[in-house]
Protein backbone atom coordinates (compact mmCIF):
# COMPACT_ATOMS: atom_id res chain seq x y z
CA MET A 1 -28.60 3.22 -4.50
CA LEU A 2 -26.49 6.20 -5.55
CA TYR A 3 -26.37 8.81 -2.78
CA TYR A 4 -23.89 11.28 -4.26
CA SER A 5 -22.43 11.74 -7.74
CA LYS A 6 -20.30 14.62 -8.90
CA GLY A 7 -17.27 14.80 -11.14
CA SER A 8 -15.65 15.89 -14.39
CA PRO A 9 -12.13 16.10 -15.83
CA THR A 10 -11.85 19.68 -14.54
CA THR A 11 -13.57 19.31 -11.14
CA SER A 12 -11.39 19.81 -8.07
CA PHE A 13 -12.86 19.11 -4.64
CA THR A 14 -11.55 21.10 -1.70
CA SER A 15 -11.23 19.34 1.64
CA GLU A 16 -14.23 21.34 2.86
CA GLU A 17 -16.36 20.26 -0.12
CA LEU A 18 -15.31 16.66 0.38
CA LYS A 19 -16.30 16.73 4.04
CA LYS A 20 -19.60 18.45 3.32
CA ALA A 21 -20.60 15.87 0.68
CA ILE A 22 -19.75 12.94 2.96
CA PHE A 23 -21.47 14.44 6.01
CA GLU A 24 -24.62 15.08 3.95
CA THR A 25 -24.59 11.47 2.78
CA PHE A 26 -24.23 10.18 6.33
CA GLU A 27 -27.19 12.34 7.32
CA LYS A 28 -29.31 10.65 4.63
CA LEU A 29 -28.44 7.24 6.04
CA GLY A 30 -29.84 8.04 9.48
CA ALA A 31 -28.42 7.18 12.88
CA LYS A 32 -25.98 4.29 13.20
CA LYS A 33 -24.96 2.35 16.29
CA LYS A 34 -21.76 0.61 15.18
CA VAL A 35 -19.59 1.47 12.16
CA LEU A 36 -16.65 -0.28 10.50
CA ALA A 37 -14.31 1.47 8.06
CA ILE A 38 -12.43 -0.52 5.42
CA PRO A 39 -10.00 1.87 3.72
CA PRO A 40 -7.08 0.80 1.51
CA ASP A 41 -3.66 0.59 3.14
CA PHE A 42 -0.62 2.84 2.76
CA THR A 43 0.08 1.55 -0.75
CA ARG A 44 -2.98 3.62 -1.76
CA PHE A 45 -1.95 6.69 0.22
CA HIS A 46 -2.72 9.08 -2.65
CA SER A 47 -6.35 7.93 -2.89
CA ARG A 48 -7.42 10.40 -0.15
CA ALA A 49 -9.09 7.40 1.52
CA GLY A 50 -7.22 8.21 4.72
CA GLU A 51 -8.78 11.66 4.80
CA ILE A 52 -12.21 10.20 4.05
CA THR A 53 -11.84 7.68 6.87
CA ASN A 54 -10.94 10.52 9.20
CA ILE A 55 -14.06 12.39 8.06
CA ALA A 56 -16.11 9.31 8.97
CA TYR A 57 -14.45 9.31 12.40
CA GLN A 58 -15.28 13.01 12.84
CA TYR A 59 -18.93 12.29 12.06
CA TYR A 60 -19.48 9.05 13.96
CA GLY A 61 -17.05 9.49 16.85
CA ASP A 62 -17.07 6.51 19.22
CA LYS A 63 -19.64 4.73 17.02
CA LEU A 64 -16.77 4.09 14.59
CA THR A 65 -15.42 1.14 16.53
CA ASP A 66 -13.09 -0.55 14.04
CA VAL A 67 -10.83 0.36 11.12
CA LEU A 68 -9.72 -2.59 8.99
CA PRO A 69 -7.23 -1.55 6.29
CA ALA A 70 -7.78 -3.66 3.17
CA LEU A 71 -4.31 -5.19 3.17
CA GLY A 72 -4.94 -8.07 0.81
CA THR A 73 -1.52 -9.75 0.77
CA HIS A 74 0.38 -6.65 1.93
CA TYR A 75 2.23 -6.09 5.19
CA ALA A 76 0.39 -4.58 8.15
CA MET A 77 0.64 -0.81 8.36
CA THR A 78 3.16 0.69 10.77
CA ASP A 79 2.15 3.22 13.43
CA ASN A 80 3.88 5.97 11.45
CA GLU A 81 2.00 5.02 8.27
CA ILE A 82 -1.30 4.99 10.17
CA SER A 83 -0.62 8.46 11.58
CA GLU A 84 0.45 9.86 8.22
CA MET A 85 -2.53 8.44 6.34
CA PHE A 86 -5.36 8.63 8.89
CA GLY A 87 -4.45 11.55 11.14
CA ASP A 88 -5.80 11.53 14.67
CA ILE A 89 -7.93 8.37 14.55
CA PRO A 90 -6.93 6.40 17.69
CA LYS A 91 -4.57 3.56 16.84
CA ASN A 92 -6.44 1.16 19.10
CA LEU A 93 -9.27 1.15 16.53
CA PHE A 94 -7.08 -0.40 13.82
CA ARG A 95 -7.28 -4.10 13.04
CA VAL A 96 -4.82 -6.17 10.97
CA HIS A 97 -6.22 -8.39 8.23
CA ASN A 98 -4.62 -11.83 8.05
CA TRP A 99 -5.41 -13.10 4.56
CA ARG A 100 -4.44 -16.67 5.38
CA GLU A 101 -6.46 -17.12 8.58
CA ASP A 102 -8.99 -14.36 9.42
CA VAL A 103 -11.57 -15.16 6.74
CA VAL A 104 -15.00 -16.67 6.29
CA THR A 105 -16.58 -17.83 3.03
CA LEU A 106 -19.91 -16.17 2.22
CA GLY A 107 -20.64 -18.40 -0.75
CA THR A 108 -19.09 -19.92 -3.86
CA VAL A 109 -19.32 -18.64 -7.42
CA PRO A 110 -19.96 -21.73 -9.59
CA GLY A 111 -17.22 -22.94 -11.88
CA GLU A 112 -19.71 -22.91 -14.77
CA TYR A 113 -20.13 -19.15 -14.35
CA VAL A 114 -16.37 -18.55 -14.10
CA LYS A 115 -15.89 -20.58 -17.27
CA GLU A 116 -18.60 -18.61 -19.07
CA VAL A 117 -17.22 -15.15 -18.26
CA SER A 118 -13.59 -16.15 -18.91
CA ASP A 119 -14.33 -17.44 -22.41
CA GLY A 120 -13.67 -21.00 -21.24
CA MET A 121 -10.13 -20.28 -20.05
CA ILE A 122 -10.83 -20.99 -16.34
CA ASP A 123 -13.41 -23.42 -14.99
CA TYR A 124 -12.81 -23.58 -11.23
CA SER A 125 -15.29 -22.26 -8.68
CA TRP A 126 -14.42 -19.11 -6.72
CA PRO A 127 -14.93 -18.62 -2.95
CA ALA A 128 -16.31 -15.23 -1.89
CA GLN A 129 -14.15 -14.70 1.18
CA VAL A 130 -14.06 -11.73 3.56
CA ASN A 131 -12.52 -10.96 6.90
CA LYS A 132 -14.66 -12.52 9.62
CA LEU A 133 -15.01 -9.12 11.32
CA LEU A 134 -17.44 -8.03 8.58
CA VAL A 135 -19.79 -10.87 9.46
CA GLU A 136 -19.26 -11.22 13.20
CA GLY A 137 -18.92 -7.54 14.15
CA ASP A 138 -22.65 -6.75 14.10
CA PHE A 139 -22.14 -3.48 12.19
CA ASP A 140 -25.05 -1.48 10.83
CA LEU A 141 -22.71 0.42 8.47
CA ILE A 142 -19.48 -0.55 6.70
CA VAL A 143 -17.76 2.40 5.02
CA SER A 144 -15.45 1.41 2.15
CA PRO A 145 -13.56 4.40 0.69
CA GLY A 146 -11.07 4.15 -2.16
CA GLN A 147 -9.83 5.37 -5.51
CA VAL A 148 -11.08 4.08 -8.85
CA VAL A 149 -8.05 3.91 -11.14
CA PRO A 150 -6.82 1.55 -13.88
CA HIS A 151 -5.66 -1.77 -12.44
CA GLU A 152 -3.79 -4.75 -13.87
CA VAL A 153 -5.83 -7.53 -12.22
CA ILE A 154 -9.38 -6.18 -12.37
CA GLY A 155 -9.36 -3.49 -15.05
CA LEU A 156 -10.21 -0.65 -12.68
CA ALA A 157 -9.53 -0.79 -8.96
CA ASN A 158 -11.92 -0.51 -6.06
CA TYR A 159 -15.62 -1.09 -5.37
CA ASN A 160 -16.06 -4.72 -4.27
CA LYS A 161 -12.38 -5.52 -4.91
CA ASN A 162 -11.72 -3.60 -1.69
CA ILE A 163 -13.89 -6.17 0.11
CA PHE A 164 -13.29 -9.53 -1.60
CA VAL A 165 -9.59 -9.01 -2.30
CA GLY A 166 -8.63 -6.34 0.25
CA THR A 167 -10.14 -8.35 3.11
CA GLY A 168 -10.24 -11.66 1.25
CA GLY A 169 -8.59 -15.01 1.86
CA SER A 170 -5.70 -16.78 0.19
CA GLU A 171 -7.84 -18.95 -2.08
CA GLY A 172 -10.06 -16.12 -3.25
CA ILE A 173 -7.17 -13.70 -3.84
CA ASN A 174 -5.03 -16.29 -5.61
CA LYS A 175 -7.81 -17.51 -7.87
CA SER A 176 -9.04 -14.03 -8.80
CA HIS A 177 -5.53 -12.91 -9.75
CA PHE A 178 -5.03 -16.01 -11.86
CA ILE A 179 -8.31 -15.50 -13.75
CA GLY A 180 -7.12 -12.05 -14.79
CA ALA A 181 -3.61 -13.17 -15.71
CA VAL A 182 -4.74 -16.10 -17.86
CA TYR A 183 -7.46 -14.03 -19.56
CA GLY A 184 -4.84 -11.39 -20.41
CA MET A 185 -3.93 -8.00 -18.97
CA GLU A 186 -4.37 -6.23 -22.28
CA ARG A 187 -7.96 -7.47 -22.43
CA ILE A 188 -8.70 -6.28 -18.89
CA MET A 189 -6.87 -3.05 -18.07
CA GLY A 190 -9.04 0.02 -18.36
CA ARG A 191 -12.25 -1.99 -18.74
CA ALA A 192 -14.84 -1.75 -15.98
CA LEU A 193 -16.49 -5.06 -16.86
CA ASN A 194 -14.26 -8.10 -17.35
CA PRO A 195 -14.15 -11.68 -16.05
CA VAL A 196 -12.67 -10.81 -12.64
CA ARG A 197 -15.13 -7.99 -11.98
CA LYS A 198 -18.05 -10.13 -13.12
CA VAL A 199 -17.07 -12.85 -10.65
CA LEU A 200 -16.88 -10.31 -7.81
CA ASN A 201 -20.20 -8.78 -8.86
CA TYR A 202 -21.78 -12.23 -8.77
CA ALA A 203 -20.53 -12.57 -5.21
CA SER A 204 -21.86 -9.13 -4.23
CA ASP A 205 -25.27 -9.80 -5.74
CA ASN A 206 -25.68 -13.30 -4.34
CA PHE A 207 -23.74 -13.52 -1.09
CA ALA A 208 -23.11 -10.04 0.34
CA LYS A 209 -26.53 -8.38 0.28
CA ASP A 210 -26.76 -8.48 4.08
CA LEU A 211 -23.50 -6.55 4.52
CA PRO A 212 -24.38 -2.83 4.91
CA ILE A 213 -21.53 -1.54 2.73
CA LEU A 214 -21.34 2.09 1.60
CA TYR A 215 -18.74 2.73 -1.10
CA ILE A 216 -17.10 6.16 -1.21
CA GLN A 217 -15.20 6.28 -4.51
CA THR A 218 -12.74 8.98 -5.56
CA VAL A 219 -11.21 9.67 -8.95
CA LEU A 220 -7.97 11.67 -8.97
CA SER A 221 -5.62 13.13 -11.53
CA ALA A 222 -2.78 15.62 -11.56
CA GLY A 223 -3.43 19.24 -12.43
CA ASP A 224 -1.26 21.77 -14.22
CA ASP A 225 0.08 22.70 -10.79
CA GLY A 226 1.56 19.21 -10.42
CA LYS A 227 -0.73 18.38 -7.51
CA LEU A 228 -3.33 15.62 -7.32
CA HIS A 229 -6.93 16.77 -7.45
CA ILE A 230 -10.11 14.88 -6.64
CA ARG A 231 -11.94 15.00 -9.97
CA GLY A 232 -14.92 12.98 -8.86
CA LEU A 233 -16.72 11.70 -5.78
CA PHE A 234 -19.30 8.93 -6.04
CA ILE A 235 -21.07 7.44 -3.02
CA GLY A 236 -23.44 4.50 -3.13
CA ASP A 237 -24.13 0.91 -2.17
CA ASP A 238 -24.22 -0.80 -5.58
CA PHE A 239 -22.49 -1.10 -8.96
CA GLU A 240 -23.79 2.24 -10.27
CA CYS A 241 -21.50 4.09 -7.88
CA PHE A 242 -18.45 2.29 -9.27
CA GLU A 243 -19.67 2.52 -12.85
CA LYS A 244 -19.87 6.30 -12.76
CA ALA A 245 -16.44 6.57 -11.13
CA ALA A 246 -15.01 4.20 -13.74
CA GLU A 247 -16.34 6.32 -16.60
CA LEU A 248 -14.55 9.37 -15.20
CA SER A 249 -11.36 7.45 -14.43
CA ILE A 250 -11.14 6.35 -18.05
CA GLN A 251 -11.30 10.01 -19.06
CA VAL A 252 -8.66 11.31 -16.67
CA ASN A 253 -6.37 8.35 -15.90
CA PHE A 254 -6.18 6.55 -19.25
CA LYS A 255 -3.50 8.14 -21.42
CA MET A 256 -4.05 7.13 -25.05
CA MET A 257 -0.85 7.71 -27.02
CA ASP A 258 -0.62 8.69 -30.68
CA ARG A 259 2.74 6.93 -30.95
CA GLU A 260 4.58 4.19 -29.14
CA MET A 261 7.23 4.81 -26.51
CA LYS A 262 10.73 3.53 -27.24
CA LYS A 263 12.27 4.37 -23.88
CA VAL A 264 10.29 4.87 -20.67
CA VAL A 265 11.69 5.96 -17.30
CA VAL A 266 9.50 5.37 -14.26
CA TYR A 267 10.17 6.66 -10.75
CA LEU A 268 8.88 4.69 -7.75
CA ASP A 269 8.33 6.71 -4.57
CA PRO A 270 10.36 4.90 -1.87
CA HIS A 271 7.60 5.40 0.70
CA GLU A 272 5.07 3.61 -1.49
CA PHE A 273 7.07 1.07 -3.49
CA LYS A 274 9.32 -1.32 -1.59
CA SER A 275 8.69 -4.49 -3.61
CA THR A 276 8.33 -5.54 -7.23
CA TRP A 277 4.92 -6.92 -6.17
CA LEU A 278 3.87 -3.26 -6.15
CA GLY A 279 6.68 -1.70 -8.19
CA ASN A 280 5.81 -3.73 -11.25
CA LYS A 281 2.99 -1.26 -11.80
CA SER A 282 5.75 0.35 -13.85
CA VAL A 283 5.45 -2.66 -16.15
CA TYR A 284 1.69 -3.19 -16.02
CA ARG A 285 0.64 0.38 -16.66
CA THR A 286 3.05 1.04 -19.57
CA ARG A 287 3.13 -2.29 -21.41
CA MET A 288 0.43 -1.32 -23.91
CA ALA A 289 2.37 1.80 -24.90
CA ILE A 290 5.96 0.51 -25.17
CA ALA A 291 7.20 -0.42 -28.64
CA ASP A 292 8.55 -3.86 -29.49
CA GLY A 293 12.28 -3.73 -28.74
CA GLY A 294 11.76 -0.77 -26.41
CA GLU A 295 13.21 -0.23 -22.95
CA LEU A 296 11.67 0.36 -19.54
CA ILE A 297 13.97 1.81 -16.84
CA VAL A 298 12.64 1.73 -13.28
CA LEU A 299 14.21 4.03 -10.68
CA ALA A 300 13.36 2.24 -7.42
CA PRO A 301 15.18 3.75 -4.42
CA GLY A 302 12.93 1.98 -1.90
CA LEU A 303 13.06 -1.48 -3.50
CA ALA A 304 14.10 -4.05 -0.87
CA GLU A 305 12.21 -7.24 -1.81
CA PHE A 306 10.16 -8.93 -4.48
CA GLY A 307 7.05 -10.14 -2.67
CA GLU A 308 5.51 -8.64 0.46
CA ASP A 309 4.75 -12.14 1.72
CA LYS A 310 7.71 -14.46 2.50
CA THR A 311 6.22 -17.35 0.56
CA ILE A 312 5.52 -15.21 -2.49
CA ASP A 313 8.93 -13.54 -2.29
CA GLY A 314 10.51 -16.99 -2.33
CA LEU A 315 8.48 -18.08 -5.36
CA ILE A 316 9.44 -14.96 -7.31
CA ARG A 317 13.10 -15.58 -6.51
CA LYS A 318 12.76 -19.25 -7.47
CA TYR A 319 11.02 -18.87 -10.82
CA GLY A 320 11.49 -15.26 -11.93
CA TYR A 321 9.53 -13.20 -14.44
CA ILE A 322 9.61 -15.54 -17.43
CA GLY A 323 6.48 -14.97 -19.50
CA SER A 324 3.00 -16.43 -19.50
CA LYS A 325 3.69 -19.60 -21.54
CA LYS A 326 6.53 -20.75 -19.28
CA VAL A 327 4.68 -19.76 -16.09
CA LEU A 328 1.63 -21.77 -17.11
CA GLU A 329 3.82 -24.78 -17.86
CA LEU A 330 5.53 -24.48 -14.47
CA THR A 331 2.21 -24.00 -12.69
CA ASN A 332 0.87 -27.20 -14.20
CA ALA A 333 4.01 -29.06 -13.07
CA ASN A 334 4.71 -27.56 -9.63
CA GLU A 335 2.61 -27.78 -6.51
CA ASP A 336 4.07 -24.66 -4.91
CA LEU A 337 2.71 -22.50 -7.75
CA GLN A 338 -0.58 -24.40 -7.81
CA ASN A 339 -0.99 -23.51 -4.14
CA ASN A 340 -0.12 -19.86 -4.79
CA LEU A 341 -1.92 -18.90 -7.99
CA GLY A 342 -1.62 -15.22 -7.07
CA ALA A 343 2.16 -15.53 -7.27
CA ALA A 344 1.88 -17.36 -10.58
CA ALA A 345 -0.35 -14.57 -11.88
CA HIS A 346 2.16 -11.97 -10.70
CA LEU A 347 4.98 -13.69 -12.58
CA ILE A 348 2.90 -13.41 -15.74
CA HIS A 349 2.03 -9.78 -15.07
CA GLY A 350 5.65 -8.78 -14.45
CA SER A 351 7.02 -10.11 -17.73
CA SER A 352 7.14 -8.12 -20.95
CA GLU A 353 6.66 -11.42 -22.82
CA GLY A 354 9.98 -10.66 -24.50
CA ARG A 355 8.65 -7.57 -26.26
CA PHE A 356 10.78 -4.99 -24.44
CA SER A 357 13.55 -4.95 -21.84
CA ILE A 358 12.98 -4.12 -18.18
CA THR A 359 15.84 -2.56 -16.22
CA TYR A 360 15.49 -2.13 -12.46
CA CYS A 361 17.67 0.33 -10.53
CA PRO A 362 17.09 -0.77 -6.91
CA GLY A 363 17.98 0.98 -3.69
CA ASN A 364 18.28 -2.14 -1.55
CA LEU A 365 18.64 -5.20 -3.78
CA THR A 366 21.81 -6.49 -5.43
CA LYS A 367 22.65 -6.92 -9.09
CA GLU A 368 22.56 -10.69 -8.59
CA GLU A 369 19.08 -10.56 -7.04
CA ILE A 370 17.65 -8.41 -9.84
CA GLU A 371 19.17 -10.50 -12.61
CA GLY A 372 18.11 -13.65 -10.74
CA VAL A 373 14.45 -12.86 -11.47
CA ASN A 374 15.23 -12.08 -15.15
CA PHE A 375 15.28 -8.30 -15.02
CA LYS A 376 18.23 -6.23 -16.19
CA TYR A 377 20.14 -4.27 -13.53
CA ALA A 378 21.55 -0.74 -13.53
CA ASP A 379 23.11 1.33 -10.76
CA LEU A 380 20.57 3.62 -9.09
CA THR A 381 23.00 6.48 -8.45
CA GLU A 382 24.25 6.55 -12.03
CA MET A 383 20.81 6.29 -13.58
CA THR A 384 19.27 8.87 -11.24
CA LYS A 385 22.05 11.26 -12.20
CA LYS A 386 21.27 10.71 -15.88
CA TYR A 387 17.48 10.66 -15.48
CA ASP A 388 16.98 13.11 -12.62
CA PRO A 389 13.38 12.99 -11.32
CA SER A 390 13.72 16.53 -10.00
CA LYS A 391 14.40 17.80 -13.52
CA LEU A 392 12.16 15.61 -15.65
CA LYS A 393 8.51 16.38 -16.28
CA ASP A 394 5.79 13.80 -16.76
CA GLY A 395 5.58 12.98 -20.45
CA TRP A 396 8.11 13.43 -23.25
CA ASN A 397 11.60 14.70 -22.38
CA MET A 398 14.93 15.03 -24.17
CA VAL A 399 17.93 13.63 -22.24
CA ASP A 400 21.37 13.88 -23.88
CA GLY A 401 19.75 14.10 -27.28
CA GLU A 402 17.55 11.06 -26.66
CA GLU A 403 13.77 11.19 -26.34
CA ILE A 404 12.29 9.46 -23.30
CA PHE A 405 8.87 9.27 -21.72
CA TYR A 406 8.91 9.94 -17.97
CA ILE A 407 6.32 8.81 -15.41
CA SER A 408 6.60 10.00 -11.82
CA ASN A 409 3.97 7.64 -10.38
CA PRO A 410 2.73 4.65 -12.41
CA ALA A 411 -0.07 3.94 -9.93
CA LEU A 412 -2.01 6.99 -11.08
CA GLY A 413 -2.59 6.11 -14.70
CA LEU A 414 -2.57 3.71 -17.61
CA TRP A 415 -0.78 4.39 -20.87
CA ALA A 416 -1.59 2.70 -24.17
CA TYR A 417 -0.76 3.16 -27.86
CA LYS A 418 -4.11 3.65 -29.54
CA GLU A 419 -3.41 0.99 -32.18
CA ARG A 420 -2.62 -1.56 -29.46
CA PHE A 421 -5.76 -0.88 -27.42
CA LYS A 422 -8.54 -2.40 -29.48
């Protein structure tokens, strides 16, 4: 059921309007005894999900007994990150999701279905895993806020991804990532329905009907004032809520280019991007717009590691970003990749397949480390001086007589050359 639906490319919700819409929705739901919130973690700080979670706390008070950030494979949030994102919600309400241990399997999507929706490219079954708190906590409401925005693994982020991946287990996360990687990012990004989403929808429809989940979906984009605005708010308990948000996200977050980009400079906020696991959004979100033989330069002052999980970090360092053909060969031959299909998928995602060069300018990794995973290296200080984020504007810029395309936050959009997106 869709409880609230409002949005357009020019809409801009104030904090008061946001609170009013959410409060009115909670009123429609009736009294609740025990509420769980599952917001994204700090890597989705700009989603306004922290503010929405705080609004839920204002409404439900002590009936909001648990907050479970949808970490997926990410690190647990620090106390400072919790305070910055969620305000005055008591820290003793926050739970840490352990994706390797704290999960239960609700059911299994048949391999025949996975094979059907992936055009025969994958034929394994998929376990619908969630954190055991969702099942054992005896909640009569689970609030899942988040931003719908283009995403490399599932086309458009959020909705049931927040549940089955954000609170999912190692097998479910790994296998879902691998489905998307093998099927092809260019066939998935910016598309609401794709093999990965269809698998998750199968799980929602068949195994999660007893979970009282309410999705609160935002769509955001930057305004002429340079600030992020909530363009849409969609609240509901089924696919229609996500579908409407996805339609708006395509309008405001998908940048269709009339010509290809030859040189792209991307800045990664050091508070948000500390690993290439996240920072490679600079690759994912621009790959359909960069010309063959082009160059991607990534200014990454916060970069300190490759994977946010020690095992995955080690696999990235061992194999590097080497293209889909080689990764698939290595996955077939090596047990460590077979046991970590999410890492294998990431290695595919992070390669340009030899089409364009990727140069990382890291704040806390060495030249040897960067080149060891098959990226090019450049000095951060020198490149920041040449491509100064404080002087560049999002979009086309001229720097020393050279035209570049600048992106201040790759997580907020998807760029594609119109002839490549077909």
